[in-house]
Protein backbone atom coordinates (compact mmCIF):
# COMPACT_ATOMS: atom_id res chain seq x y z
CA MET A 1 9.51 142.45 178.13
CA HIS A 2 6.73 143.75 175.91
CA ARG A 3 5.16 141.29 173.51
CA ALA A 4 5.87 143.58 170.54
CA GLN A 5 9.13 145.48 170.35
CA LEU A 6 11.05 147.38 167.69
CA VAL A 7 14.51 145.94 168.25
CA GLU A 8 16.47 147.65 165.51
CA LEU A 9 16.07 150.35 162.87
CA TYR A 10 18.63 150.65 160.06
CA ALA A 11 18.73 153.46 157.52
CA ARG A 12 21.10 154.19 154.66
CA GLY A 13 21.12 156.79 151.93
CA LEU A 14 18.23 158.95 153.13
CA GLY A 15 19.05 162.62 152.78
CA VAL A 16 21.81 163.48 155.26
CA ILE A 17 21.71 159.99 156.75
CA GLU A 18 24.61 158.16 155.17
CA GLU A 19 24.17 155.16 157.48
CA ALA A 20 22.51 154.82 160.88
CA ARG A 21 21.55 151.94 163.11
CA ILE A 22 19.54 152.16 166.33
CA GLU A 23 18.99 149.28 168.74
CA PHE A 24 15.97 150.26 170.80
CA GLY A 25 15.26 149.01 174.29
CA PRO A 26 12.05 148.21 176.14
CA GLY A 27 9.96 150.94 177.74
CA PHE A 28 10.32 154.61 176.83
CA ASN A 29 12.90 155.43 174.11
CA VAL A 30 13.62 159.03 173.14
CA LEU A 31 15.33 160.60 170.10
CA THR A 32 16.88 164.06 170.45
CA GLY A 33 19.20 166.28 168.43
CA GLU A 34 19.57 169.71 166.96
CA THR A 35 17.04 170.98 164.46
CA GLY A 36 17.85 169.61 161.02
CA ALA A 37 20.00 166.79 162.35
CA GLY A 38 17.75 164.14 160.86
CA LYS A 39 15.24 163.07 163.52
CA THR A 40 12.40 163.40 161.04
CA LEU A 41 14.36 161.42 158.48
CA LEU A 42 14.77 158.55 160.95
CA LEU A 43 11.03 158.42 161.47
CA GLY A 44 10.70 158.65 157.71
CA ALA A 45 12.97 155.61 157.39
CA LEU A 46 10.72 153.75 159.82
CA GLU A 47 7.55 154.69 157.95
CA LEU A 48 9.23 153.89 154.62
CA CYS A 49 10.12 150.31 155.53
CA LEU A 50 6.62 149.86 156.93
CA GLY A 51 5.17 150.58 153.48
CA GLY A 52 4.96 154.38 153.52
CA GLU A 53 4.62 156.32 150.29
CA ALA A 54 8.07 157.01 148.87
CA SER A 55 6.89 160.18 147.14
CA SER A 56 6.79 162.04 150.45
CA SER A 57 9.59 164.60 150.66
CA ARG A 58 10.37 163.60 154.23
CA TYR A 59 12.02 160.40 153.02
CA ALA A 60 14.67 162.00 150.75
CA VAL A 61 14.96 158.71 148.87
CA GLY A 62 18.10 158.24 146.75
CA ALA A 63 19.82 155.60 144.65
CA GLU A 64 21.43 153.99 147.73
CA THR A 65 18.36 154.10 149.97
CA ARG A 66 17.75 151.16 152.27
CA ALA A 67 15.55 151.02 155.37
CA VAL A 68 15.06 147.98 157.60
CA ALA A 69 13.03 147.51 160.79
CA LEU A 70 13.33 144.40 162.96
CA PHE A 71 10.51 143.61 165.38
CA THR A 72 10.19 140.81 167.90
CA LEU A 73 6.89 139.31 169.05
CA ASN A 74 6.66 137.38 172.30
CA ASP A 75 10.48 137.16 172.40
CA ASP A 76 10.52 134.20 170.01
CA GLN A 77 9.26 135.56 166.67
CA GLU A 78 11.00 138.07 164.43
CA ILE A 79 9.51 140.20 161.68
CA HIS A 80 11.72 142.01 159.15
CA PHE A 81 10.33 144.95 157.16
CA ALA A 82 12.57 146.36 154.41
CA ARG A 83 12.53 148.80 151.48
CA GLU A 84 15.50 149.53 149.23
CA SER A 85 16.24 151.20 145.93
CA SER A 86 16.61 148.93 142.92
CA PRO A 87 19.08 149.50 140.08
CA ALA A 88 16.13 150.82 138.07
CA GLY A 89 15.49 153.48 140.68
CA ARG A 90 12.34 151.96 142.17
CA LEU A 91 11.81 150.91 145.76
CA ARG A 92 11.60 147.19 146.38
CA ALA A 93 9.76 145.80 149.40
CA SER A 94 10.50 142.65 151.35
CA LEU A 95 8.92 140.99 154.36
CA ASP A 96 11.01 138.52 156.33
CA GLY A 97 13.50 138.47 153.49
CA ALA A 98 10.95 137.51 150.80
CA PRO A 99 9.87 139.90 148.01
CA SER A 100 6.67 141.66 148.98
CA SER A 101 4.64 144.80 148.26
CA ALA A 102 4.24 148.09 150.07
CA GLU A 103 0.57 147.30 150.67
CA LEU A 104 1.42 144.01 152.36
CA LEU A 105 3.99 145.79 154.54
CA ARG A 106 1.35 148.32 155.59
CA ARG A 107 -1.18 145.64 156.47
CA ARG A 108 1.34 143.64 158.49
CA ALA A 109 2.65 146.76 160.24
CA ARG A 110 -0.81 147.56 161.64
CA ASP A 111 -0.47 144.52 163.89
CA VAL A 112 2.80 145.61 165.52
CA ILE A 113 3.10 149.40 165.54
CA VAL A 114 1.07 152.60 165.72
CA ILE A 115 2.61 155.91 164.68
CA HIS A 116 1.18 159.15 166.09
CA GLY A 117 2.27 162.10 164.00
CA GLN A 118 1.33 165.74 164.37
CA HIS A 119 -1.05 165.64 161.43
CA ASP A 120 -1.89 161.98 161.11
CA SER A 121 -2.41 158.87 163.15
CA LEU A 122 -2.43 155.31 161.96
CA ALA A 123 -4.51 154.51 165.06
CA LEU A 124 -7.41 156.69 163.97
CA LYS A 125 -7.36 156.36 160.21
CA SER A 126 -10.43 154.15 160.14
CA ARG A 127 -13.62 153.85 162.13
CA GLN A 128 -12.73 150.21 162.68
CA GLU A 129 -9.62 151.22 164.63
CA VAL A 130 -11.65 153.44 166.99
CA LEU A 131 -14.19 150.65 167.39
CA GLY A 132 -11.38 148.29 168.34
CA ILE A 133 -10.24 150.71 171.05
CA ILE A 134 -13.76 150.81 172.54
CA ASP A 135 -14.23 147.03 172.38
CA ILE A 136 -10.89 146.35 174.06
CA ALA A 137 -11.49 149.00 176.72
CA GLY A 138 -14.95 147.63 177.52
CA ASN A 139 -14.12 143.96 176.92
CA VAL A 140 -17.00 143.92 174.44
CA ARG A 141 -17.45 140.47 172.92
CA THR A 142 -19.16 140.17 169.58
CA ASP A 143 -18.53 136.47 168.89
CA ASP A 144 -22.22 135.44 169.05
CA LEU A 145 -23.30 138.36 166.85
CA ASN A 146 -20.53 137.66 164.34
CA ASP A 147 -21.45 133.95 164.22
CA ILE A 148 -25.09 134.75 163.52
CA ARG A 149 -24.15 137.26 160.84
CA ARG A 150 -21.90 134.73 159.16
CA GLU A 151 -24.71 132.18 159.16
CA ILE A 152 -27.17 134.74 157.80
CA SER A 153 -24.70 135.64 155.05
CA SER A 154 -24.26 131.97 154.20
CA LEU A 155 -28.02 131.38 154.06
CA LEU A 156 -28.55 134.48 151.93
CA SER A 157 -25.89 133.22 149.52
CA GLU A 158 -27.63 129.84 149.40
CA ARG A 159 -30.99 131.50 148.82
CA ALA A 160 -29.49 133.60 146.04
CA ALA A 161 -28.09 130.43 144.45
CA TRP A 162 -31.64 129.04 144.47
CA GLY A 163 -32.96 132.18 142.83
CA GLY A 164 -33.44 134.59 145.74
CA ASP A 165 -36.76 135.16 147.47
CA ALA A 166 -40.03 133.54 146.32
CA ALA A 167 -40.90 136.30 143.84
CA SER A 168 -37.40 136.28 142.33
CA ARG A 169 -37.42 132.50 142.04
CA GLU A 170 -40.79 132.56 140.28
CA ARG A 171 -39.55 135.16 137.80
CA GLU A 172 -36.42 133.12 137.12
CA ARG A 173 -38.41 129.90 136.73
CA ASP A 174 -40.84 131.52 134.25
CA TYR A 175 -37.98 132.91 132.18
CA LEU A 176 -36.07 129.61 132.18
CA ALA A 177 -39.23 127.72 131.23
CA PHE A 178 -39.75 130.10 128.30
CA GLN A 179 -36.18 129.46 127.12
CA CYS A 180 -36.64 125.70 127.46
CA ARG A 181 -39.84 125.83 125.38
CA GLU A 182 -38.08 127.88 122.72
CA LEU A 183 -35.21 125.41 122.51
CA ASP A 184 -37.52 122.43 122.63
CA SER A 185 -39.60 123.83 119.74
CA ALA A 186 -36.40 124.13 117.69
CA ASN A 187 -36.19 120.31 117.78
CA LEU A 188 -32.42 120.29 118.08
CA SER A 189 -30.60 116.96 117.83
CA ASP A 190 -27.62 117.17 115.50
CA PRO A 191 -24.98 119.79 116.38
CA HIS A 192 -23.94 119.87 112.70
CA GLU A 193 -27.43 120.39 111.29
CA LEU A 194 -26.99 124.09 110.56
CA THR A 195 -23.86 123.41 108.52
CA ALA A 196 -25.62 120.66 106.56
CA VAL A 197 -28.66 122.85 105.83
CA LEU A 198 -26.51 125.75 104.65
CA ASP A 199 -24.45 123.45 102.44
CA GLU A 200 -27.61 122.05 100.82
CA LEU A 201 -28.98 125.54 100.23
CA THR A 202 -25.69 126.55 98.63
CA ARG A 203 -25.84 123.49 96.36
CA LEU A 204 -29.43 124.10 95.30
CA SER A 205 -28.77 127.78 94.67
CA ALA A 206 -25.84 126.92 92.42
CA LEU A 207 -27.96 124.29 90.67
CA ARG A 208 -30.77 126.75 90.08
CA ASP A 209 -28.42 129.37 88.67
CA ALA A 210 -26.82 126.78 86.28
CA HIS A 211 -30.00 124.90 85.30
CA ASP A 212 -30.29 126.26 81.73
CA GLU A 213 -26.63 125.61 81.06
CA LEU A 214 -27.00 122.04 82.34
CA LEU A 215 -29.91 121.36 79.99
CA TYR A 216 -27.91 122.77 77.08
CA VAL A 217 -24.90 120.57 77.93
CA ILE A 218 -27.14 117.47 78.27
CA ASP A 219 -28.74 118.10 74.89
CA GLU A 220 -25.39 118.74 73.24
CA LEU A 221 -23.91 115.57 74.71
CA ASP A 222 -26.75 113.10 74.19
CA GLY A 223 -29.76 114.81 72.70
CA ASP A 224 -32.11 113.59 69.96
CA SER A 225 -30.07 115.28 67.28
CA ASP A 226 -27.76 113.17 65.10
CA GLN A 227 -25.17 115.86 65.81
CA ALA A 228 -25.11 115.12 69.58
CA VAL A 229 -21.57 114.40 70.77
CA LEU A 230 -22.24 110.90 72.07
CA SER A 231 -24.32 109.93 69.03
CA ARG A 232 -21.50 111.00 66.72
CA LEU A 233 -18.97 109.19 68.97
CA ALA A 234 -21.08 106.00 68.74
CA HIS A 235 -21.28 106.33 64.95
CA VAL A 236 -17.50 106.81 64.69
CA ILE A 237 -16.70 103.85 67.01
CA ALA A 238 -19.04 101.64 64.90
CA ARG A 239 -16.97 102.36 61.79
CA LEU A 240 -13.79 100.90 63.32
CA PRO A 241 -13.08 97.74 61.24
CA ARG A 242 -12.91 94.42 62.98
CA ALA A 243 -10.04 91.98 62.60
CA ALA A 244 -7.79 94.89 61.82
CA GLY A 245 -5.79 94.57 65.04
CA VAL A 246 -7.67 97.40 66.88
CA ASP A 247 -10.44 95.39 68.53
CA ASP A 248 -9.03 96.15 72.00
CA LEU A 249 -9.08 99.85 71.32
CA ARG A 250 -12.59 99.58 69.90
CA ASP A 251 -13.68 97.90 73.17
CA ASP A 252 -11.98 100.63 75.29
CA LEU A 253 -13.71 103.37 73.35
CA SER A 254 -17.04 101.59 73.73
CA GLU A 255 -16.53 101.52 77.53
CA VAL A 256 -15.75 105.25 77.48
CA LEU A 257 -18.95 105.82 75.55
CA GLU A 258 -21.02 103.83 78.07
CA ARG A 259 -19.48 105.69 81.00
CA ALA A 260 -20.17 109.02 79.35
CA ARG A 261 -23.82 108.06 78.75
CA ALA A 262 -24.10 107.02 82.41
CA ASP A 263 -22.71 110.41 83.56
CA VAL A 264 -25.12 112.24 81.25
CA HIS A 265 -27.95 110.18 82.72
CA GLU A 266 -26.90 111.24 86.26
CA LEU A 267 -26.58 114.82 85.11
CA THR A 268 -30.08 114.64 83.71
CA ALA A 269 -31.39 113.27 87.02
CA ARG A 270 -29.77 116.06 88.99
CA ALA A 271 -31.11 118.71 86.70
CA GLN A 272 -34.73 117.55 87.10
CA PRO A 273 -37.13 120.36 88.10
CA ASP A 274 -38.22 118.54 91.29
CA GLN A 275 -34.71 119.15 92.67
CA LEU A 276 -35.45 122.87 92.53
CA ASP A 277 -38.81 122.72 94.26
CA PRO A 278 -39.38 126.27 95.62
CA GLU A 279 -41.31 124.89 98.60
CA ASN A 280 -38.37 122.66 99.55
CA ILE A 281 -35.96 125.56 99.27
CA ALA A 282 -38.25 127.76 101.36
CA LEU A 283 -38.38 125.09 104.06
CA LEU A 284 -34.59 124.82 104.09
CA GLU A 285 -34.24 128.60 104.29
CA ALA A 286 -36.72 128.77 107.19
CA ARG A 287 -34.87 126.01 109.03
CA ALA A 288 -31.52 127.73 108.49
CA SER A 289 -32.94 131.01 109.83
CA GLN A 290 -34.38 129.26 112.90
CA LEU A 291 -31.13 127.45 113.64
CA GLN A 292 -29.09 130.64 113.18
CA GLN A 293 -31.34 132.54 115.57
CA VAL A 294 -31.08 129.82 118.20
CA ALA A 295 -27.31 129.67 117.80
CA ARG A 296 -26.94 133.46 118.19
CA LYS A 297 -29.14 133.53 121.29
CA TYR A 298 -27.73 130.49 123.07
CA GLY A 299 -23.98 130.55 122.85
CA GLY A 300 -23.04 130.96 119.21
CA SER A 301 -23.46 127.38 117.96
CA ILE A 302 -25.96 124.55 117.88
CA GLN A 303 -23.75 122.54 120.23
CA ALA A 304 -23.74 125.43 122.72
CA ALA A 305 -27.55 125.66 122.42
CA LEU A 306 -27.86 121.91 123.10
CA ASP A 307 -25.63 122.30 126.17
CA GLN A 308 -27.64 125.26 127.43
CA PHE A 309 -30.89 123.39 126.89
CA GLU A 310 -29.62 120.66 129.20
CA GLU A 311 -28.41 123.17 131.80
CA LEU A 312 -31.65 125.17 131.70
CA SER A 313 -33.75 122.04 132.04
CA THR A 314 -31.70 120.96 135.05
CA ARG A 315 -32.05 124.41 136.64
CA VAL A 316 -35.85 124.39 136.16
CA GLU A 317 -36.01 120.97 137.83
CA GLU A 318 -33.89 122.30 140.72
CA LEU A 319 -36.17 125.28 141.22
CA ASN A 320 -39.23 123.06 141.10
CA SER A 321 -37.78 120.69 143.69
CA ALA A 322 -36.36 123.42 146.01
CA HIS A 323 -39.64 124.40 147.60
CA ASP A 324 -39.30 122.49 150.86
CA ARG A 325 -35.64 123.41 151.38
CA LEU A 326 -36.35 127.07 150.72
CA GLU A 327 -39.26 127.15 153.12
CA ALA A 328 -36.97 125.83 155.88
CA LEU A 329 -34.28 128.33 154.84
CA GLU A 330 -36.67 131.28 155.00
CA ALA A 331 -37.85 130.19 158.44
CA ARG A 332 -34.25 129.95 159.68
CA LEU A 333 -33.44 133.36 158.25
CA GLY A 334 -36.40 134.86 160.09
CA THR A 335 -35.28 133.36 163.39
CA LEU A 336 -31.69 134.44 162.91
CA SER A 337 -32.68 137.97 161.89
CA GLU A 338 -34.69 138.40 165.07
CA ARG A 339 -31.78 137.10 167.14
CA GLU A 340 -29.37 139.39 165.27
CA VAL A 341 -31.46 142.43 166.19
CA GLU A 342 -31.42 141.39 169.86
CA LEU A 343 -27.68 140.76 169.96
CA ALA A 344 -26.88 143.92 168.00
CA ALA A 345 -28.89 145.98 170.48
CA ALA A 346 -27.07 144.30 173.38
CA VAL A 347 -23.65 144.94 171.80
CA ARG A 348 -24.59 148.56 171.18
CA ARG A 349 -25.51 148.99 174.85
CA GLU A 350 -22.14 147.50 175.87
CA ARG A 351 -20.30 149.79 173.47
CA GLU A 352 -22.21 152.81 174.70
CA VAL A 353 -21.22 151.98 178.29
CA ALA A 354 -17.61 151.32 177.24
CA GLY A 355 -17.52 154.55 175.23
CA HIS A 356 -18.93 156.52 178.17
CA HIS A 357 -16.40 155.09 180.64
CA LEU A 358 -13.53 155.56 178.19
CA THR A 359 -14.65 159.15 177.59
CA GLN A 360 -14.46 159.86 181.31
CA ARG A 361 -11.07 158.20 181.68
CA VAL A 362 -9.46 159.93 178.70
CA GLN A 363 -11.07 163.25 179.66
CA GLY A 364 -9.37 162.90 183.03
CA GLN A 365 -6.00 162.58 181.30
CA LEU A 366 -6.36 165.67 179.09
CA PRO A 367 -5.08 168.15 181.74
CA ARG A 368 -1.93 166.03 182.07
CA VAL A 369 -1.20 166.51 178.36
CA ALA A 370 -1.71 170.30 178.31
CA LEU A 371 -5.34 170.22 177.22
CA PRO A 372 -7.08 171.38 180.41
CA HIS A 373 -9.98 173.10 178.65
CA ALA A 374 -10.60 170.58 175.91
CA THR A 375 -13.42 168.04 175.86
CA LEU A 376 -13.48 164.67 174.17
CA ARG A 377 -16.27 162.18 173.65
CA PHE A 378 -16.58 158.73 172.09
CA ASN A 379 -19.79 158.81 170.08
CA VAL A 380 -21.45 155.42 169.49
CA ASP A 381 -24.15 154.96 166.85
CA GLY A 382 -25.60 152.30 164.54
CA ASP A 383 -27.69 149.18 165.21
CA ASP A 384 -24.75 147.43 166.86
CA GLY A 385 -22.82 150.53 167.91
CA SER A 386 -20.20 150.03 165.21
CA GLU A 387 -20.59 153.56 163.81
CA VAL A 388 -18.18 155.27 166.17
CA GLN A 389 -16.06 158.40 166.15
CA ILE A 390 -14.15 160.58 168.57
CA LEU A 391 -15.67 164.04 168.91
CA PHE A 392 -13.46 166.87 170.20
CA THR A 393 -13.48 170.56 171.00
CA PRO A 394 -10.32 172.36 172.17
CA ASN A 395 -12.05 175.17 174.08
CA PRO A 396 -15.27 175.64 176.08
CA GLY A 397 -18.13 176.97 174.00
CA TRP A 398 -16.68 175.77 170.71
CA PRO A 399 -18.72 173.28 168.68
CA GLU A 400 -17.45 169.70 168.79
CA GLY A 401 -16.49 167.76 165.69
CA PRO A 402 -14.40 164.80 164.52
CA LEU A 403 -11.07 164.78 166.34
CA GLN A 404 -8.83 164.87 163.28
CA GLU A 405 -10.75 167.84 161.88
CA MET A 406 -10.99 169.87 165.08
CA ALA A 407 -7.56 169.29 166.66
CA SER A 408 -4.35 171.01 165.62
CA GLY A 409 -1.27 168.90 165.01
CA GLY A 410 0.03 169.32 168.54
CA GLU A 411 -3.41 168.82 170.07
CA LEU A 412 -3.93 165.63 168.09
CA SER A 413 -0.63 164.19 169.29
CA ARG A 414 -1.43 165.00 172.91
CA VAL A 415 -4.95 163.58 172.66
CA LEU A 416 -3.42 160.36 171.35
CA LEU A 417 -1.02 160.34 174.28
CA ALA A 418 -3.96 160.74 176.68
CA LEU A 419 -5.73 157.93 174.87
CA SER A 420 -2.62 155.75 175.11
CA LEU A 421 -2.51 156.28 178.87
CA GLU A 422 -5.87 154.52 179.11
CA THR A 423 -5.61 151.98 176.31
CA ALA A 424 -1.93 151.03 176.05
CA HIS A 425 -1.26 147.33 175.48
CA ASP A 426 2.02 145.55 174.94
CA ASP A 427 1.27 143.86 171.63
CA VAL A 428 2.00 147.04 169.63
CA VAL A 429 4.78 149.63 169.61
CA ALA A 430 3.76 153.30 169.99
CA VAL A 431 5.66 156.08 168.20
CA PHE A 432 5.08 159.76 169.06
CA ASP A 433 6.49 162.47 166.77
CA GLU A 434 7.05 165.69 168.73
CA VAL A 435 4.05 165.16 170.98
CA ASP A 436 5.40 167.98 173.18
CA ALA A 437 5.47 170.63 170.44
CA GLY A 438 4.39 174.04 171.72
CA VAL A 439 4.55 173.26 175.44
CA GLY A 440 7.17 173.75 178.12
CA GLY A 441 7.81 174.02 181.84
CA GLN A 442 5.71 171.92 184.15
CA VAL A 443 3.49 170.73 181.27
CA ALA A 444 6.51 169.29 179.48
CA GLN A 445 7.45 167.37 182.60
CA GLN A 446 3.90 166.02 182.80
CA ILE A 447 4.06 164.86 179.18
CA GLY A 448 7.37 163.18 179.91
CA GLU A 449 5.78 161.40 182.85
CA CYS A 450 2.88 160.33 180.62
CA LEU A 451 5.23 158.88 178.01
CA ARG A 452 7.15 157.05 180.70
CA GLU A 453 3.87 155.72 182.10
CA VAL A 454 2.77 154.45 178.68
CA GLY A 455 6.22 152.93 178.32
CA ALA A 456 5.50 150.70 181.29
CA SER A 457 2.73 149.00 179.27
CA GLN A 458 4.17 149.07 175.77
CA GLN A 459 7.37 150.08 174.02
CA VAL A 460 7.32 153.83 173.28
CA ILE A 461 9.55 155.74 170.87
CA ALA A 462 9.32 159.53 170.89
CA VAL A 463 11.02 162.47 169.22
CA THR A 464 11.40 165.53 171.44
CA HIS A 465 13.16 168.88 171.73
CA LEU A 466 12.47 169.21 175.46
CA ALA A 467 14.98 168.20 178.10
CA SER A 468 12.31 167.51 180.74
CA VAL A 469 10.73 164.96 178.37
CA ALA A 470 14.01 163.38 177.30
CA ALA A 471 15.07 162.95 180.93
CA LYS A 472 12.10 160.64 181.57
CA ALA A 473 13.19 158.08 178.97
CA ALA A 474 14.72 154.71 179.77
CA HIS A 475 16.84 154.85 176.58
CA HIS A 476 18.16 158.06 175.05
CA PHE A 477 19.47 158.33 171.47
CA VAL A 478 21.10 161.44 170.01
CA ILE A 479 21.08 162.31 166.32
CA GLU A 480 24.12 164.44 165.49
CA LYS A 481 24.94 166.28 162.26
CA SER A 482 28.47 167.05 161.10
CA VAL A 483 30.02 168.63 158.01
CA SER A 484 33.20 167.13 156.59
CA HIS A 485 34.87 167.97 153.27
CA GLY A 486 31.77 169.83 152.15
CA ALA A 487 29.39 166.91 152.89
CA THR A 488 26.77 166.78 155.65
CA ARG A 489 26.40 163.50 157.56
CA THR A 490 24.19 162.35 160.37
CA THR A 491 25.10 159.79 163.03
CA VAL A 492 23.05 158.21 165.80
CA ARG A 493 24.29 156.97 169.15
CA GLU A 494 22.84 156.03 172.50
CA VAL A 495 23.96 158.27 175.34
CA THR A 496 24.37 157.20 178.96
CA GLY A 497 26.09 158.59 182.01
CA ASP A 498 27.93 161.88 181.53
CA ASP A 499 27.20 161.87 177.78
CA ARG A 500 23.50 161.89 178.53
CA VAL A 501 23.92 164.65 181.10
CA ARG A 502 25.69 166.80 178.50
CA GLU A 503 22.94 166.16 175.92
CA VAL A 504 20.17 167.12 178.36
CA ALA A 505 22.17 170.20 179.33
CA ARG A 506 22.50 171.14 175.64
CA MET A 507 18.73 170.82 175.28
CA LEU A 508 18.35 173.18 178.25
CA ALA A 509 20.92 175.83 177.33
CA GLY A 510 21.98 175.29 173.71
CA ASP A 511 25.60 174.98 172.66
CA ALA A 512 26.86 177.29 175.43
CA ILE A 513 26.41 174.81 178.25
CA SER A 514 26.79 176.47 181.62
CA ASP A 515 27.52 174.85 184.96
CA GLU A 516 23.95 175.65 185.98
CA ALA A 517 22.54 173.86 182.93
CA HIS A 518 24.79 170.89 183.61
CA ALA A 519 23.66 170.74 187.22
CA LEU A 520 20.00 171.08 186.27
CA ALA A 521 20.36 168.30 183.69
CA ARG A 522 21.85 166.01 186.33
CA ARG A 523 19.00 166.81 188.73
CA LEU A 524 16.41 166.05 186.02
CA LEU A 525 17.97 162.68 185.33
CA GLU A 526 18.43 161.83 189.00
CA SER A 527 14.79 162.67 189.72
CA VAL A 528 13.73 159.92 187.34
CA SER A 529 16.13 157.17 188.38
């Protein structure tokens, strides 16, 4: 049993598929059926529940759409991928029954399945995937190189936290020292000083504007004139007769008079010219301007500036004390960088050897997949050989180029089949969509043999129109379309025995199955078993 296996695919409400369920088996599984029966929709259902883009027309998503794929890993672990339409008309994703996202489904699917389509391949979408193929094929180990690179990255992060290289640290230290001097010269201590200074300036400004009025009020209340308010009040209170039963009121009025004279005295003190000393006001204005500038530059308030002053001072002390540690760090970085160059060169050599051997092996498989005149090469570049690509040319004398640019849809599928023959492993499922398009006869039989051979190493699921390919499969599923009461429906069933013979015969001769086609179908199936 393969370590990774697609056990079941369920689809509902996708185009002509009202409801379909397929229970796949190990080895080579094949899907057949008449054109338009829904084979592409079934693969669309698979891609959809693995996080595929729902906007693609191949999915025919509707209000009742639901697609579920069940995988097993190592016989004891199950993974459920699902997408279904919500009441709002959007597709919801779930992974192992829990709400998820299409992106998470795609990432998880990369670990268990690879889908080879005629115009696309999940296996070759990124350079990293091709690199993985080379490393596995050549048993290239990069653990030591990866460890050193992680340590270098960690040391570079530490050095950056200390201010970078020596020149960068010196620039940072000079700038921080300048900021500390600026804050220190501001002589900050009270976080509320700016508010107090502004309040005092507001008071003095109001006092200056009202000074003449204050002097007038003071003179009117208690000036030298006999007509001053308090003088007249004193004269009036003095005329109150004694022993007339109003002595208590006379005393109260006298107290009011004394309090009024005390308030006038305080008013006179506050209105003194020395309170409005222009030099004092200028000093307050200068201090307010300085404090406002510091606040704007260092966080918006005096408290923020005080906090930054403490942080900057601490940072300057750290930079001053980091010299010994940074010298050791720079020395370690130098040693590691030299070792990284050595290991990267060694890994590149291993990848070049692996790429060369894999090139020869896959090149040897190309005739088996109807590409006898094509050439293929794994090109390895970069310090550590990680810049890789597959170069391809379909015919002698043609310039080579990246595989996915140079190969047609059918050629790409067959190249991937040749690659699978040399790199198949049982921890992923391989899906081939019409890998046999455009071929027939003996070549089709060879492709069938290749798919069966890959199926011995990993589970394979393929869509085909060719009987000689379908006959090589261990499990055969037929997609059938029927029209009832004006509605088109698709069903899926596994065929065995005589049912399978009839399906292979149909693929050979069409609907008018002859005795010869029936006999040939039986011979094809018997030649495999």
